[in-house]
Amino acid sequence: MLANFLIGLREGLEASLIVSILIAYLVKTNRRSEIRHVWTGVIAALVMVVSVFAVVTLVFDQLPFRAQEIVGGTLSIMAAALVTWMIFWMRRTARFLKRELESDMAHAVALGPVALASVAFLTVGREGLETAAIIWSTIIGTTTTRPFIGATLGILVAVGLGIAIYRGAIKVNLSKFFTITGALLIVVAAGVLAYGVFDLQEARVLPGFGSRIFDISSTIPPDSWYGTLLKGTVNFQPDPSWLQGIVWMSYLAIVLTLYLRKPKPTSTPAPSKQAQSV
């Protein structure tokens, strides 16, 4: 539940900020009447995300056990890769996101309502599909509604924060927010990746299913409240295989190191002699 709350909060705030930028541009350019087209694109994107999520879930439930393990494991690994790409993409493009969106809106306004709705649909739809893929990978095999409740609460809080930021009611250091949540999501992604490896081992696609690092199921029962908490936050497993442990540690060591490393400052090129003499 907590992991899905974090996912819903971060992704929901990204989507809320994107919609805020689109609406703010139309307000700034005295085109308030065009805002309805942005909301049309947003609603269409949400319908598309929910439909894709429902279809994938229905198809998955019809598969035999081994096929479910293969599909679930593969999608978990893909979701971990998607989270990793999204985190680094956001850190790299956050400074230029507003400028790019406003440039897209300027072209869309000239083209008409369909183009305006398309910009909102594509930007919000991308965030929505990322969120759906990550959440889906964390709820495979669960029979409770807590993951959905956590994600919904996170999205609702994110929408509230987005509205408050847009209206100027609160100020949030977005750079710190995305840095902290990005690091936490890397830990979540490591658990999702390890769980995907476990699924593929269980389906006998990867070797080493019976080779365990340790087994503390008696100390941390999976059905206990603390076992459920650890499972829901970092996909903790009380009896991981050696391959799971190696993948988990390697991912965290490499990705967290790259993520927390300070980016090199961009140096401005020195003016040429000809420019200096002008």
C-alpha atoms as a PDB file:
ATOM      1  CA  MET A   1       0.000   0.000   0.000  1.00  0.00           C
ATOM      2  CA  LEU A   2       2.779   2.452   0.932  1.00  0.00           C
ATOM      3  CA  ALA A   3       4.744   1.704  -2.227  1.00  0.00           C
ATOM      4  CA  ASN A   4       1.677   2.306  -4.377  1.00  0.00           C
ATOM      5  CA  PHE A   5       0.894   5.485  -2.431  1.00  0.00           C
ATOM      6  CA  LEU A   6       4.385   6.747  -3.259  1.00  0.00           C
ATOM      7  CA  ILE A   7       3.978   5.775  -6.926  1.00  0.00           C
ATOM      8  CA  GLY A   8       0.566   7.460  -7.144  1.00  0.00           C
ATOM      9  CA  LEU A   9       1.869  10.561  -5.357  1.00  0.00           C
ATOM     10  CA  ARG A  10       4.906  11.069  -7.555  1.00  0.00           C
ATOM     11  CA  GLU A  11       3.321  10.188 -10.894  1.00  0.00           C
ATOM     12  CA  GLY A  12       0.102  12.001 -10.007  1.00  0.00           C
ATOM     13  CA  LEU A  13       2.003  15.162  -9.126  1.00  0.00           C
ATOM     14  CA  GLU A  14       3.928  15.000 -12.394  1.00  0.00           C
ATOM     15  CA  ALA A  15       0.662  14.710 -14.336  1.00  0.00           C
ATOM     16  CA  SER A  16      -0.946  17.489 -12.257  1.00  0.00           C
ATOM     17  CA  LEU A  17       1.976  19.817 -12.919  1.00  0.00           C
ATOM     18  CA  ILE A  18       1.810  19.066 -16.635  1.00  0.00           C
ATOM     19  CA  VAL A  19      -1.910  19.897 -16.757  1.00  0.00           C
ATOM     20  CA  SER A  20      -1.234  23.049 -14.706  1.00  0.00           C
ATOM     21  CA  ILE A  21       1.410  24.176 -17.202  1.00  0.00           C
ATOM     22  CA  LEU A  22      -0.944  23.588 -20.137  1.00  0.00           C
ATOM     23  CA  ILE A  23      -3.802  25.498 -18.492  1.00  0.00           C
ATOM     24  CA  ALA A  24      -1.529  28.302 -17.276  1.00  0.00           C
ATOM     25  CA  TYR A  25      -0.280  28.818 -20.833  1.00  0.00           C
ATOM     26  CA  LEU A  26      -3.816  29.219 -22.156  1.00  0.00           C
ATOM     27  CA  VAL A  27      -4.687  31.625 -19.330  1.00  0.00           C
ATOM     28  CA  LYS A  28      -1.523  33.648 -19.949  1.00  0.00           C
ATOM     29  CA  THR A  29      -2.303  33.932 -23.668  1.00  0.00           C
ATOM     30  CA  ASN A  30      -5.961  34.926 -23.021  1.00  0.00           C
ATOM     31  CA  ARG A  31      -7.378  31.680 -24.389  1.00  0.00           C
ATOM     32  CA  ARG A  32      -9.449  30.528 -21.423  1.00  0.00           C
ATOM     33  CA  SER A  33     -12.169  29.252 -23.747  1.00  0.00           C
ATOM     34  CA  GLU A  34      -9.703  26.644 -25.077  1.00  0.00           C
ATOM     35  CA  ILE A  35      -9.147  25.062 -21.649  1.00  0.00           C
ATOM     36  CA  ARG A  36     -12.062  22.677 -22.203  1.00  0.00           C
ATOM     37  CA  HIS A  37     -10.075  20.989 -24.984  1.00  0.00           C
ATOM     38  CA  VAL A  38      -7.243  20.293 -22.529  1.00  0.00           C
ATOM     39  CA  TRP A  39      -9.717  18.613 -20.163  1.00  0.00           C
ATOM     40  CA  THR A  40     -11.068  16.568 -23.074  1.00  0.00           C
ATOM     41  CA  GLY A  41      -7.577  15.219 -23.713  1.00  0.00           C
ATOM     42  CA  VAL A  42      -7.021  14.535 -20.002  1.00  0.00           C
ATOM     43  CA  ILE A  43     -10.282  12.583 -19.664  1.00  0.00           C
ATOM     44  CA  ALA A  44      -9.560  10.601 -22.841  1.00  0.00           C
ATOM     45  CA  ALA A  45      -6.094   9.709 -21.496  1.00  0.00           C
ATOM     46  CA  LEU A  46      -7.553   8.497 -18.186  1.00  0.00           C
ATOM     47  CA  VAL A  47     -10.147   6.364 -19.987  1.00  0.00           C
ATOM     48  CA  MET A  48      -7.419   4.876 -22.175  1.00  0.00           C
ATOM     49  CA  VAL A  49      -5.187   4.025 -19.173  1.00  0.00           C
ATOM     50  CA  VAL A  50      -8.038   2.392 -17.217  1.00  0.00           C
ATOM     51  CA  SER A  51      -9.098   0.408 -20.300  1.00  0.00           C
ATOM     52  CA  VAL A  52      -5.575  -0.880 -20.985  1.00  0.00           C
ATOM     53  CA  PHE A  53      -5.140  -1.805 -17.309  1.00  0.00           C
ATOM     54  CA  ALA A  54      -8.455  -3.702 -17.259  1.00  0.00           C
ATOM     55  CA  VAL A  55      -7.790  -5.572 -20.524  1.00  0.00           C
ATOM     56  CA  VAL A  56      -4.284  -6.643 -19.466  1.00  0.00           C
ATOM     57  CA  THR A  57      -5.599  -7.837 -16.082  1.00  0.00           C
ATOM     58  CA  LEU A  58      -8.459  -9.814 -17.647  1.00  0.00           C
ATOM     59  CA  VAL A  59      -6.191 -11.479 -20.205  1.00  0.00           C
ATOM     60  CA  PHE A  60      -3.598 -12.278 -17.534  1.00  0.00           C
ATOM     61  CA  ASP A  61      -6.187 -13.989 -15.310  1.00  0.00           C
ATOM     62  CA  GLN A  62      -7.098 -16.385 -18.129  1.00  0.00           C
ATOM     63  CA  LEU A  63      -3.552 -17.672 -18.586  1.00  0.00           C
ATOM     64  CA  PRO A  64      -2.337 -20.976 -17.089  1.00  0.00           C
ATOM     65  CA  PHE A  65      -0.055 -20.775 -14.037  1.00  0.00           C
ATOM     66  CA  ARG A  66       3.303 -21.101 -15.819  1.00  0.00           C
ATOM     67  CA  ALA A  67       2.305 -18.570 -18.454  1.00  0.00           C
ATOM     68  CA  GLN A  68       1.211 -16.183 -15.694  1.00  0.00           C
ATOM     69  CA  GLU A  69       4.595 -16.515 -14.025  1.00  0.00           C
ATOM     70  CA  ILE A  70       6.427 -15.868 -17.307  1.00  0.00           C
ATOM     71  CA  VAL A  71       4.255 -12.913 -18.274  1.00  0.00           C
ATOM     72  CA  GLY A  72       4.220 -11.506 -14.741  1.00  0.00           C
ATOM     73  CA  GLY A  73       7.973 -11.840 -14.339  1.00  0.00           C
ATOM     74  CA  THR A  74       8.684 -10.290 -17.725  1.00  0.00           C
ATOM     75  CA  LEU A  75       6.339  -7.368 -17.087  1.00  0.00           C
ATOM     76  CA  SER A  76       7.830  -6.820 -13.621  1.00  0.00           C
ATOM     77  CA  ILE A  77      11.306  -6.551 -15.122  1.00  0.00           C
ATOM     78  CA  MET A  78       9.981  -4.200 -17.815  1.00  0.00           C
ATOM     79  CA  ALA A  79       8.234  -2.102 -15.132  1.00  0.00           C
ATOM     80  CA  ALA A  80      11.485  -1.801 -13.168  1.00  0.00           C
ATOM     81  CA  ALA A  81      13.257  -0.678 -16.339  1.00  0.00           C
ATOM     82  CA  LEU A  82      10.443   1.821 -17.003  1.00  0.00           C
ATOM     83  CA  VAL A  83      10.716   3.266 -13.489  1.00  0.00           C
ATOM     84  CA  THR A  84      14.474   3.632 -13.900  1.00  0.00           C
ATOM     85  CA  TRP A  85      14.131   5.361 -17.260  1.00  0.00           C
ATOM     86  CA  MET A  86      11.359   7.648 -15.955  1.00  0.00           C
ATOM     87  CA  ILE A  87      13.366   8.763 -12.912  1.00  0.00           C
ATOM     88  CA  PHE A  88      16.475   9.662 -14.900  1.00  0.00           C
ATOM     89  CA  TRP A  89      14.405  11.242 -17.696  1.00  0.00           C
ATOM     90  CA  MET A  90      12.617  13.465 -15.201  1.00  0.00           C
ATOM     91  CA  ARG A  91      15.853  14.563 -13.582  1.00  0.00           C
ATOM     92  CA  ARG A  92      17.380  15.404 -16.956  1.00  0.00           C
ATOM     93  CA  THR A  93      14.416  17.232 -18.529  1.00  0.00           C
ATOM     94  CA  ALA A  94      12.686  18.822 -15.507  1.00  0.00           C
ATOM     95  CA  ARG A  95      14.357  22.195 -16.104  1.00  0.00           C
ATOM     96  CA  PHE A  96      13.143  22.356 -19.699  1.00  0.00           C
ATOM     97  CA  LEU A  97       9.749  20.644 -19.306  1.00  0.00           C
ATOM     98  CA  LYS A  98       7.750  23.868 -19.002  1.00  0.00           C
ATOM     99  CA  ARG A  99       9.438  25.398 -22.044  1.00  0.00           C
ATOM    100  CA  GLU A 100       8.832  22.276 -24.152  1.00  0.00           C
ATOM    101  CA  LEU A 101       5.174  22.005 -23.153  1.00  0.00           C
ATOM    102  CA  GLU A 102       4.543  25.690 -23.868  1.00  0.00           C
ATOM    103  CA  SER A 103       6.193  25.281 -27.265  1.00  0.00           C
ATOM    104  CA  ASP A 104       3.926  22.291 -28.003  1.00  0.00           C
ATOM    105  CA  MET A 105       0.897  24.301 -26.899  1.00  0.00           C
ATOM    106  CA  ALA A 106       1.850  27.226 -29.126  1.00  0.00           C
ATOM    107  CA  HIS A 107       1.857  24.934 -32.165  1.00  0.00           C
ATOM    108  CA  ALA A 108      -1.324  23.175 -31.035  1.00  0.00           C
ATOM    109  CA  VAL A 109      -3.235  26.453 -30.591  1.00  0.00           C
ATOM    110  CA  ALA A 110      -2.448  27.338 -34.174  1.00  0.00           C
ATOM    111  CA  LEU A 111      -3.696  23.955 -35.399  1.00  0.00           C
ATOM    112  CA  GLY A 112      -7.003  23.902 -33.504  1.00  0.00           C
ATOM    113  CA  PRO A 113      -8.973  22.061 -30.760  1.00  0.00           C
ATOM    114  CA  VAL A 114      -7.995  18.531 -31.824  1.00  0.00           C
ATOM    115  CA  ALA A 115      -4.298  19.390 -31.550  1.00  0.00           C
ATOM    116  CA  LEU A 116      -4.831  20.936 -28.100  1.00  0.00           C
ATOM    117  CA  ALA A 117      -6.630  17.835 -26.869  1.00  0.00           C
ATOM    118  CA  SER A 118      -3.903  15.651 -28.406  1.00  0.00           C
ATOM    119  CA  VAL A 119      -1.133  17.420 -26.490  1.00  0.00           C
ATOM    120  CA  ALA A 120      -2.974  16.848 -23.203  1.00  0.00           C
ATOM    121  CA  PHE A 121      -3.844  13.263 -24.171  1.00  0.00           C
ATOM    122  CA  LEU A 122      -0.272  12.312 -25.072  1.00  0.00           C
ATOM    123  CA  THR A 123       1.430  13.951 -22.087  1.00  0.00           C
ATOM    124  CA  VAL A 124      -1.049  12.763 -19.457  1.00  0.00           C
ATOM    125  CA  GLY A 125      -1.443   9.377 -21.160  1.00  0.00           C
ATOM    126  CA  ARG A 126       2.299   8.758 -20.985  1.00  0.00           C
ATOM    127  CA  GLU A 127       2.340   9.455 -17.245  1.00  0.00           C
ATOM    128  CA  GLY A 128      -0.782   7.331 -16.772  1.00  0.00           C
ATOM    129  CA  LEU A 129       0.605   4.316 -18.620  1.00  0.00           C
ATOM    130  CA  GLU A 130       3.839   4.518 -16.637  1.00  0.00           C
ATOM    131  CA  THR A 131       1.857   4.595 -13.392  1.00  0.00           C
ATOM    132  CA  ALA A 132      -0.393   1.707 -14.473  1.00  0.00           C
ATOM    133  CA  ALA A 133       2.584  -0.463 -15.475  1.00  0.00           C
ATOM    134  CA  ILE A 134       4.365   0.095 -12.163  1.00  0.00           C
ATOM    135  CA  ILE A 135       1.253  -0.469 -10.051  1.00  0.00           C
ATOM    136  CA  TRP A 136       0.268  -3.570 -12.024  1.00  0.00           C
ATOM    137  CA  SER A 137       3.661  -5.119 -11.364  1.00  0.00           C
ATOM    138  CA  THR A 138       3.198  -4.615  -7.605  1.00  0.00           C
ATOM    139  CA  ILE A 139      -0.287  -6.167  -7.373  1.00  0.00           C
ATOM    140  CA  ILE A 140       0.330  -9.443  -9.242  1.00  0.00           C
ATOM    141  CA  GLY A 141      -0.887 -12.246  -7.055  1.00  0.00           C
ATOM    142  CA  THR A 142      -2.519 -10.030  -4.420  1.00  0.00           C
ATOM    143  CA  THR A 143      -6.110 -10.565  -3.373  1.00  0.00           C
ATOM    144  CA  THR A 144      -6.629  -7.392  -1.335  1.00  0.00           C
ATOM    145  CA  THR A 145      -7.622  -3.888  -2.392  1.00  0.00           C
ATOM    146  CA  ARG A 146      -4.909  -2.174  -0.338  1.00  0.00           C
ATOM    147  CA  PRO A 147      -2.570  -1.558  -3.317  1.00  0.00           C
ATOM    148  CA  PHE A 148      -5.414   0.167  -5.183  1.00  0.00           C
ATOM    149  CA  ILE A 149      -6.347   2.174  -2.088  1.00  0.00           C
ATOM    150  CA  GLY A 150      -2.728   3.265  -1.660  1.00  0.00           C
ATOM    151  CA  ALA A 151      -2.368   4.318  -5.304  1.00  0.00           C
ATOM    152  CA  THR A 152      -5.719   6.140  -5.261  1.00  0.00           C
ATOM    153  CA  LEU A 153      -4.821   8.030  -2.087  1.00  0.00           C
ATOM    154  CA  GLY A 154      -1.465   8.995  -3.574  1.00  0.00           C
ATOM    155  CA  ILE A 155      -3.094  10.297  -6.747  1.00  0.00           C
ATOM    156  CA  LEU A 156      -5.724  12.245  -4.787  1.00  0.00           C
ATOM    157  CA  VAL A 157      -3.054  13.866  -2.609  1.00  0.00           C
ATOM    158  CA  ALA A 158      -1.048  14.671  -5.747  1.00  0.00           C
ATOM    159  CA  VAL A 159      -4.053  16.317  -7.419  1.00  0.00           C
ATOM    160  CA  GLY A 160      -4.671  18.370  -4.276  1.00  0.00           C
ATOM    161  CA  LEU A 161      -1.020  19.458  -4.189  1.00  0.00           C
ATOM    162  CA  GLY A 162      -1.123  20.296  -7.889  1.00  0.00           C
ATOM    163  CA  ILE A 163      -4.186  22.510  -7.461  1.00  0.00           C
ATOM    164  CA  ALA A 164      -2.663  24.213  -4.416  1.00  0.00           C
ATOM    165  CA  ILE A 165       0.619  24.852  -6.241  1.00  0.00           C
ATOM    166  CA  TYR A 166      -1.234  26.223  -9.283  1.00  0.00           C
ATOM    167  CA  ARG A 167      -3.270  28.611  -7.131  1.00  0.00           C
ATOM    168  CA  GLY A 168      -0.194  29.676  -5.171  1.00  0.00           C
ATOM    169  CA  ALA A 169      -1.607  28.404  -1.868  1.00  0.00           C
ATOM    170  CA  ILE A 170       1.541  26.395  -1.075  1.00  0.00           C
ATOM    171  CA  LYS A 171       5.121  26.294  -2.280  1.00  0.00           C
ATOM    172  CA  VAL A 172       6.914  22.980  -2.667  1.00  0.00           C
ATOM    173  CA  ASN A 173      10.582  22.516  -3.430  1.00  0.00           C
ATOM    174  CA  LEU A 174       9.894  20.283  -6.410  1.00  0.00           C
ATOM    175  CA  SER A 175      13.581  19.571  -6.994  1.00  0.00           C
ATOM    176  CA  LYS A 176      13.969  18.065  -3.513  1.00  0.00           C
ATOM    177  CA  PHE A 177      10.597  16.325  -3.738  1.00  0.00           C
ATOM    178  CA  PHE A 178      11.440  14.524  -6.965  1.00  0.00           C
ATOM    179  CA  THR A 179      14.985  13.747  -5.778  1.00  0.00           C
ATOM    180  CA  ILE A 180      13.763  12.084  -2.567  1.00  0.00           C
ATOM    181  CA  THR A 181      10.844  10.248  -4.154  1.00  0.00           C
ATOM    182  CA  GLY A 182      13.104   9.184  -7.013  1.00  0.00           C
ATOM    183  CA  ALA A 183      15.527   7.517  -4.582  1.00  0.00           C
ATOM    184  CA  LEU A 184      12.635   5.787  -2.790  1.00  0.00           C
ATOM    185  CA  LEU A 185      11.198   4.593  -6.098  1.00  0.00           C
ATOM    186  CA  ILE A 186      14.572   3.088  -7.012  1.00  0.00           C
ATOM    187  CA  VAL A 187      14.313   0.936  -3.864  1.00  0.00           C
ATOM    188  CA  VAL A 188      10.766  -0.040  -4.887  1.00  0.00           C
ATOM    189  CA  ALA A 189      11.956  -0.826  -8.420  1.00  0.00           C
ATOM    190  CA  ALA A 190      14.716  -3.056  -7.027  1.00  0.00           C
ATOM    191  CA  GLY A 191      12.076  -5.109  -5.228  1.00  0.00           C
ATOM    192  CA  VAL A 192       9.907  -5.279  -8.360  1.00  0.00           C
ATOM    193  CA  LEU A 193      12.915  -6.427 -10.387  1.00  0.00           C
ATOM    194  CA  ALA A 194      13.800  -9.121  -7.853  1.00  0.00           C
ATOM    195  CA  TYR A 195      10.195 -10.302  -7.764  1.00  0.00           C
ATOM    196  CA  GLY A 196      10.210 -10.559 -11.558  1.00  0.00           C
ATOM    197  CA  VAL A 197      13.322 -12.727 -11.365  1.00  0.00           C
ATOM    198  CA  PHE A 198      11.557 -14.922  -8.780  1.00  0.00           C
ATOM    199  CA  ASP A 199       8.559 -15.390 -11.100  1.00  0.00           C
ATOM    200  CA  LEU A 200      10.819 -16.448 -13.971  1.00  0.00           C
ATOM    201  CA  GLN A 201      12.673 -18.833 -11.659  1.00  0.00           C
ATOM    202  CA  GLU A 202       9.370 -20.309 -10.494  1.00  0.00           C
ATOM    203  CA  ALA A 203       8.426 -20.844 -14.150  1.00  0.00           C
ATOM    204  CA  ARG A 204      11.824 -22.555 -14.648  1.00  0.00           C
ATOM    205  CA  VAL A 205      12.861 -19.950 -17.225  1.00  0.00           C
ATOM    206  CA  LEU A 206      15.778 -18.877 -15.005  1.00  0.00           C
ATOM    207  CA  PRO A 207      17.832 -21.325 -12.906  1.00  0.00           C
ATOM    208  CA  GLY A 208      18.399 -21.396  -9.148  1.00  0.00           C
ATOM    209  CA  PHE A 209      14.826 -21.486  -7.841  1.00  0.00           C
ATOM    210  CA  GLY A 210      15.638 -23.832  -4.942  1.00  0.00           C
ATOM    211  CA  SER A 211      18.929 -22.149  -3.995  1.00  0.00           C
ATOM    212  CA  ARG A 212      18.116 -19.786  -1.093  1.00  0.00           C
ATOM    213  CA  ILE A 213      20.342 -17.207   0.570  1.00  0.00           C
ATOM    214  CA  PHE A 214      18.405 -17.583   3.820  1.00  0.00           C
ATOM    215  CA  ASP A 215      14.918 -18.437   5.064  1.00  0.00           C
ATOM    216  CA  ILE A 216      13.507 -16.317   7.889  1.00  0.00           C
ATOM    217  CA  SER A 217       9.868 -17.116   7.225  1.00  0.00           C
ATOM    218  CA  SER A 218       9.450 -18.159  10.870  1.00  0.00           C
ATOM    219  CA  THR A 219      10.867 -14.822  12.069  1.00  0.00           C
ATOM    220  CA  ILE A 220       9.073 -12.617   9.533  1.00  0.00           C
ATOM    221  CA  PRO A 221       5.950 -14.531   8.431  1.00  0.00           C
ATOM    222  CA  PRO A 222       4.713 -13.276   5.047  1.00  0.00           C
ATOM    223  CA  ASP A 223       1.137 -13.059   6.381  1.00  0.00           C
ATOM    224  CA  SER A 224       2.086 -10.981   9.460  1.00  0.00           C
ATOM    225  CA  TRP A 225       1.446  -7.240   9.503  1.00  0.00           C
ATOM    226  CA  TYR A 226       5.165  -6.430   9.371  1.00  0.00           C
ATOM    227  CA  GLY A 227       5.755  -9.057   6.686  1.00  0.00           C
ATOM    228  CA  THR A 228       2.917  -7.552   4.666  1.00  0.00           C
ATOM    229  CA  LEU A 229       4.332  -4.057   5.249  1.00  0.00           C
ATOM    230  CA  LEU A 230       7.782  -5.063   3.998  1.00  0.00           C
ATOM    231  CA  LYS A 231       6.264  -6.887   1.040  1.00  0.00           C
ATOM    232  CA  GLY A 232       4.080  -3.913   0.117  1.00  0.00           C
ATOM    233  CA  THR A 233       6.863  -1.337   0.366  1.00  0.00           C
ATOM    234  CA  VAL A 234      10.036  -2.987  -0.944  1.00  0.00           C
ATOM    235  CA  ASN A 235       8.761  -6.406  -2.159  1.00  0.00           C
ATOM    236  CA  PHE A 236      10.659  -8.069   0.677  1.00  0.00           C
ATOM    237  CA  GLN A 237      10.772 -11.860   0.524  1.00  0.00           C
ATOM    238  CA  PRO A 238      11.808 -13.874   3.614  1.00  0.00           C
ATOM    239  CA  ASP A 239      13.384 -16.660   1.519  1.00  0.00           C
ATOM    240  CA  PRO A 240      15.069 -15.049  -1.510  1.00  0.00           C
ATOM    241  CA  SER A 241      17.122 -17.011  -3.999  1.00  0.00           C
ATOM    242  CA  TRP A 242      20.749 -16.217  -4.660  1.00  0.00           C
ATOM    243  CA  LEU A 243      19.916 -14.851  -8.106  1.00  0.00           C
ATOM    244  CA  GLN A 244      17.285 -12.537  -6.614  1.00  0.00           C
ATOM    245  CA  GLY A 245      19.764 -11.245  -4.053  1.00  0.00           C
ATOM    246  CA  ILE A 246      22.479 -10.650  -6.635  1.00  0.00           C
ATOM    247  CA  VAL A 247      20.079  -8.829  -8.975  1.00  0.00           C
ATOM    248  CA  TRP A 248      18.647  -6.734  -6.112  1.00  0.00           C
ATOM    249  CA  MET A 249      22.056  -5.687  -4.735  1.00  0.00           C
ATOM    250  CA  SER A 250      23.538  -5.026  -8.178  1.00  0.00           C
ATOM    251  CA  TYR A 251      20.600  -2.878  -9.250  1.00  0.00           C
ATOM    252  CA  LEU A 252      20.652  -0.790  -6.068  1.00  0.00           C
ATOM    253  CA  ALA A 253      24.432  -0.356  -6.102  1.00  0.00           C
ATOM    254  CA  ILE A 254      24.572   0.759  -9.736  1.00  0.00           C
ATOM    255  CA  VAL A 255      21.358   2.769 -10.101  1.00  0.00           C
ATOM    256  CA  LEU A 256      21.477   4.559  -6.723  1.00  0.00           C
ATOM    257  CA  THR A 257      25.123   5.481  -7.289  1.00  0.00           C
ATOM    258  CA  LEU A 258      24.346   6.961 -10.697  1.00  0.00           C
ATOM    259  CA  TYR A 259      21.216   8.700  -9.415  1.00  0.00           C
ATOM    260  CA  LEU A 260      22.795  10.304  -6.342  1.00  0.00           C
ATOM    261  CA  ARG A 261      25.900  11.388  -8.217  1.00  0.00           C
ATOM    262  CA  LYS A 262      25.861  15.128  -8.783  1.00  0.00           C
ATOM    263  CA  PRO A 263      25.530  15.992 -12.471  1.00  0.00           C
ATOM    264  CA  LYS A 264      28.449  17.803 -13.998  1.00  0.00           C
ATOM    265  CA  PRO A 265      27.802  21.533 -14.407  1.00  0.00           C
ATOM    266  CA  THR A 266      27.317  22.582 -17.999  1.00  0.00           C
ATOM    267  CA  SER A 267      30.161  24.861 -18.969  1.00  0.00           C
ATOM    268  CA  THR A 268      29.519  27.739 -21.332  1.00  0.00           C
ATOM    269  CA  PRO A 269      31.888  27.803 -24.288  1.00  0.00           C
ATOM    270  CA  ALA A 270      34.464  30.597 -24.266  1.00  0.00           C
ATOM    271  CA  PRO A 271      33.833  33.332 -26.830  1.00  0.00           C
ATOM    272  CA  SER A 272      35.947  33.201 -29.943  1.00  0.00           C
ATOM    273  CA  LYS A 273      38.656  35.792 -30.612  1.00  0.00           C
ATOM    274  CA  GLN A 274      36.528  37.229 -33.407  1.00  0.00           C
ATOM    275  CA  ALA A 275      33.569  37.701 -31.039  1.00  0.00           C
ATOM    276  CA  GLN A 276      35.833  39.346 -28.431  1.00  0.00           C
ATOM    277  CA  SER A 277      37.114  41.867 -30.937  1.00  0.00           C
ATOM    278  CA  VAL A 278      33.614  42.915 -32.066  1.00  0.00           C
END
